[in-house]
Structure formats: C-alpha cells, structure tokens
N, C-alpha and C. Protein backbone atom coordinates (compact mmCIF):
# COMPACT_ATOMS: atom_id res chain seq x y z
N MET A 1 0.84 -1.18 0.00
CA MET A 1 0.00 0.00 0.00
C MET A 1 0.89 1.25 0.00
N VAL A 2 0.60 2.17 -0.89
CA VAL A 2 1.37 3.41 -1.00
C VAL A 2 0.61 4.53 -0.30
N MET A 3 1.29 5.18 0.63
CA MET A 3 0.68 6.30 1.35
C MET A 3 1.14 7.59 0.68
N SER A 4 0.20 8.44 0.35
CA SER A 4 0.59 9.71 -0.24
C SER A 4 0.72 10.75 0.86
N HIS A 5 1.69 11.61 0.71
CA HIS A 5 1.94 12.66 1.68
C HIS A 5 1.40 13.97 1.13
N ILE A 6 0.61 14.64 1.92
CA ILE A 6 0.08 15.95 1.52
C ILE A 6 0.80 17.01 2.33
N ALA A 7 1.39 17.96 1.62
CA ALA A 7 2.01 19.09 2.29
C ALA A 7 0.96 20.19 2.42
N TRP A 8 0.76 20.67 3.63
CA TRP A 8 -0.23 21.71 3.88
C TRP A 8 0.48 23.04 4.08
N LEU A 9 0.01 24.07 3.39
CA LEU A 9 0.57 25.41 3.48
C LEU A 9 -0.41 26.32 4.19
N THR A 10 0.11 27.27 4.93
CA THR A 10 -0.75 28.26 5.58
C THR A 10 -1.00 29.41 4.62
N VAL A 11 -1.97 30.24 4.97
CA VAL A 11 -2.22 31.45 4.19
C VAL A 11 -0.94 32.28 4.15
N ARG A 12 -0.27 32.38 5.28
CA ARG A 12 1.00 33.14 5.35
C ARG A 12 2.05 32.55 4.42
N ASP A 13 2.14 31.23 4.34
CA ASP A 13 3.09 30.58 3.42
C ASP A 13 2.82 31.04 1.99
N ILE A 14 1.56 31.08 1.61
CA ILE A 14 1.18 31.46 0.25
C ILE A 14 1.57 32.92 -0.01
N THR A 15 1.35 33.80 0.99
CA THR A 15 1.71 35.21 0.81
C THR A 15 3.20 35.36 0.54
N ILE A 16 4.01 34.58 1.23
CA ILE A 16 5.46 34.64 1.05
C ILE A 16 5.86 34.08 -0.31
N LEU A 17 5.30 32.94 -0.67
CA LEU A 17 5.64 32.31 -1.95
C LEU A 17 5.25 33.15 -3.16
N LEU A 18 4.08 33.80 -3.08
CA LEU A 18 3.57 34.52 -4.24
C LEU A 18 3.76 36.03 -4.16
N GLY A 19 4.19 36.53 -3.02
CA GLY A 19 4.42 37.96 -2.88
C GLY A 19 3.15 38.78 -2.91
N VAL A 20 2.09 38.25 -2.31
CA VAL A 20 0.80 38.95 -2.25
C VAL A 20 0.39 39.12 -0.80
N SER A 21 -0.66 39.89 -0.56
CA SER A 21 -1.11 40.13 0.81
C SER A 21 -1.98 38.97 1.31
N GLU A 22 -2.12 38.92 2.62
CA GLU A 22 -2.99 37.93 3.23
C GLU A 22 -4.43 38.13 2.78
N GLY A 23 -4.84 39.38 2.64
CA GLY A 23 -6.19 39.68 2.16
C GLY A 23 -6.44 39.14 0.76
N THR A 24 -5.42 39.21 -0.08
CA THR A 24 -5.55 38.67 -1.45
C THR A 24 -5.76 37.17 -1.42
N VAL A 25 -4.96 36.47 -0.63
CA VAL A 25 -5.08 35.01 -0.54
C VAL A 25 -6.45 34.64 0.03
N ARG A 26 -6.87 35.32 1.09
CA ARG A 26 -8.18 35.03 1.68
C ARG A 26 -9.31 35.34 0.68
N GLY A 27 -9.12 36.35 -0.14
CA GLY A 27 -10.10 36.65 -1.19
C GLY A 27 -10.20 35.52 -2.20
N TRP A 28 -9.06 34.97 -2.61
CA TRP A 28 -9.06 33.85 -3.55
C TRP A 28 -9.79 32.65 -2.94
N ILE A 29 -9.59 32.44 -1.63
CA ILE A 29 -10.27 31.34 -0.95
C ILE A 29 -11.77 31.62 -0.91
N ARG A 30 -12.14 32.82 -0.53
CA ARG A 30 -13.57 33.19 -0.44
C ARG A 30 -14.26 33.07 -1.80
N GLU A 31 -13.56 33.47 -2.87
CA GLU A 31 -14.11 33.40 -4.23
C GLU A 31 -14.03 31.99 -4.82
N GLN A 32 -13.48 31.06 -4.05
CA GLN A 32 -13.30 29.66 -4.45
C GLN A 32 -12.38 29.51 -5.66
N ARG A 33 -11.48 30.45 -5.83
CA ARG A 33 -10.45 30.34 -6.86
C ARG A 33 -9.31 29.47 -6.37
N LEU A 34 -9.05 29.52 -5.05
CA LEU A 34 -8.02 28.72 -4.40
C LEU A 34 -8.72 27.83 -3.38
N THR A 35 -8.60 26.53 -3.57
CA THR A 35 -9.26 25.58 -2.67
C THR A 35 -8.47 25.43 -1.38
N ALA A 36 -9.16 25.64 -0.26
CA ALA A 36 -8.53 25.53 1.06
C ALA A 36 -9.43 24.71 1.97
N THR A 37 -8.83 24.15 2.99
CA THR A 37 -9.56 23.39 4.00
C THR A 37 -9.48 24.15 5.31
N PHE A 38 -10.62 24.33 5.96
CA PHE A 38 -10.65 25.02 7.24
C PHE A 38 -10.54 24.00 8.35
N PHE A 39 -9.49 24.11 9.15
CA PHE A 39 -9.26 23.19 10.25
C PHE A 39 -9.78 23.72 11.57
N GLY A 40 -10.34 24.92 11.55
CA GLY A 40 -10.97 25.47 12.74
C GLY A 40 -10.04 26.27 13.63
N GLY A 41 -10.67 27.04 14.49
CA GLY A 41 -9.98 27.77 15.55
C GLY A 41 -8.70 28.46 15.15
N ARG A 42 -7.69 28.23 15.95
CA ARG A 42 -6.40 28.87 15.73
C ARG A 42 -5.63 28.32 14.54
N ILE A 43 -5.98 27.14 14.10
CA ILE A 43 -5.29 26.53 12.95
C ILE A 43 -5.66 27.26 11.68
N GLY A 44 -6.94 27.53 11.50
CA GLY A 44 -7.40 28.28 10.32
C GLY A 44 -7.37 27.48 9.04
N TYR A 45 -7.17 28.18 7.94
CA TYR A 45 -7.16 27.55 6.62
C TYR A 45 -5.79 26.97 6.31
N ARG A 46 -5.83 25.86 5.57
CA ARG A 46 -4.62 25.25 5.03
C ARG A 46 -4.89 24.93 3.57
N ILE A 47 -3.86 25.09 2.76
CA ILE A 47 -3.95 24.85 1.33
C ILE A 47 -2.97 23.72 1.01
N SER A 48 -3.47 22.69 0.35
CA SER A 48 -2.58 21.58 -0.01
C SER A 48 -1.68 22.03 -1.15
N ASP A 49 -0.49 21.44 -1.21
CA ASP A 49 0.43 21.77 -2.29
C ASP A 49 -0.21 21.47 -3.65
N ARG A 50 -1.01 20.42 -3.71
CA ARG A 50 -1.69 20.06 -4.96
C ARG A 50 -2.68 21.15 -5.38
N ASN A 51 -3.44 21.68 -4.42
CA ASN A 51 -4.40 22.74 -4.77
C ASN A 51 -3.69 24.04 -5.16
N LEU A 52 -2.54 24.31 -4.55
CA LEU A 52 -1.78 25.49 -4.96
C LEU A 52 -1.30 25.33 -6.39
N GLN A 53 -0.81 24.15 -6.74
CA GLN A 53 -0.36 23.91 -8.12
C GLN A 53 -1.50 24.06 -9.12
N LYS A 54 -2.68 23.55 -8.78
CA LYS A 54 -3.85 23.71 -9.66
C LYS A 54 -4.19 25.18 -9.84
N PHE A 55 -4.18 25.93 -8.75
CA PHE A 55 -4.47 27.36 -8.79
C PHE A 55 -3.46 28.08 -9.70
N LEU A 56 -2.19 27.77 -9.55
CA LEU A 56 -1.16 28.42 -10.35
C LEU A 56 -1.29 28.08 -11.83
N ARG A 57 -1.62 26.83 -12.13
CA ARG A 57 -1.83 26.44 -13.54
C ARG A 57 -2.98 27.21 -14.16
N ARG A 58 -4.11 27.29 -13.43
CA ARG A 58 -5.29 28.02 -13.94
C ARG A 58 -4.96 29.50 -14.11
N SER A 59 -4.23 30.07 -13.18
CA SER A 59 -3.88 31.49 -13.26
C SER A 59 -2.97 31.76 -14.46
N THR A 60 -2.03 30.86 -14.71
CA THR A 60 -1.13 31.01 -15.83
C THR A 60 -1.88 30.87 -17.15
N GLU A 61 -2.83 29.93 -17.22
CA GLU A 61 -3.62 29.73 -18.43
C GLU A 61 -4.44 30.97 -18.77
N ARG A 62 -4.99 31.62 -17.74
CA ARG A 62 -5.78 32.84 -17.96
C ARG A 62 -4.95 33.96 -18.52
N GLN A 63 -3.70 34.07 -18.06
CA GLN A 63 -2.82 35.15 -18.49
C GLN A 63 -2.27 34.91 -19.89
N GLY A 64 -2.05 33.66 -20.25
CA GLY A 64 -1.40 33.34 -21.51
C GLY A 64 -2.36 33.12 -22.57
C-alpha cells in the first residue's frame, strides 16, 4: 500500500511564496479560486500543495 503525503501550506506561506497580501489570498479562498480546507480555531485555513499547483496552472492559463 502506498501512502501519499500531503504538504499543507498556511495562508501566510502562500503570501510569502507569491508575494501577495494575506487579504488577497483570503479573497481567492472566499471566491473559491483557491481551494482551502478550514481546520478550525487557531489553525485556520490550510492549502494543499496540490491545490496550490492547480491554482497556479489556472492562473497562468488565464494570463497566456
């Protein structure tokens, strides 16, 4: 049996990687452009590395 590993990124991680504000990332989540999972309370939202890659591909396709 193969176990897949999911890397979870915080909203802050995304802001650093993409050079955007926290409000921008939260807006993408609210608009359902960036898929995130809410873990509740102090943990907040987490974005899987797979969902970030999908978001980046779609964003690049729109620009090109």
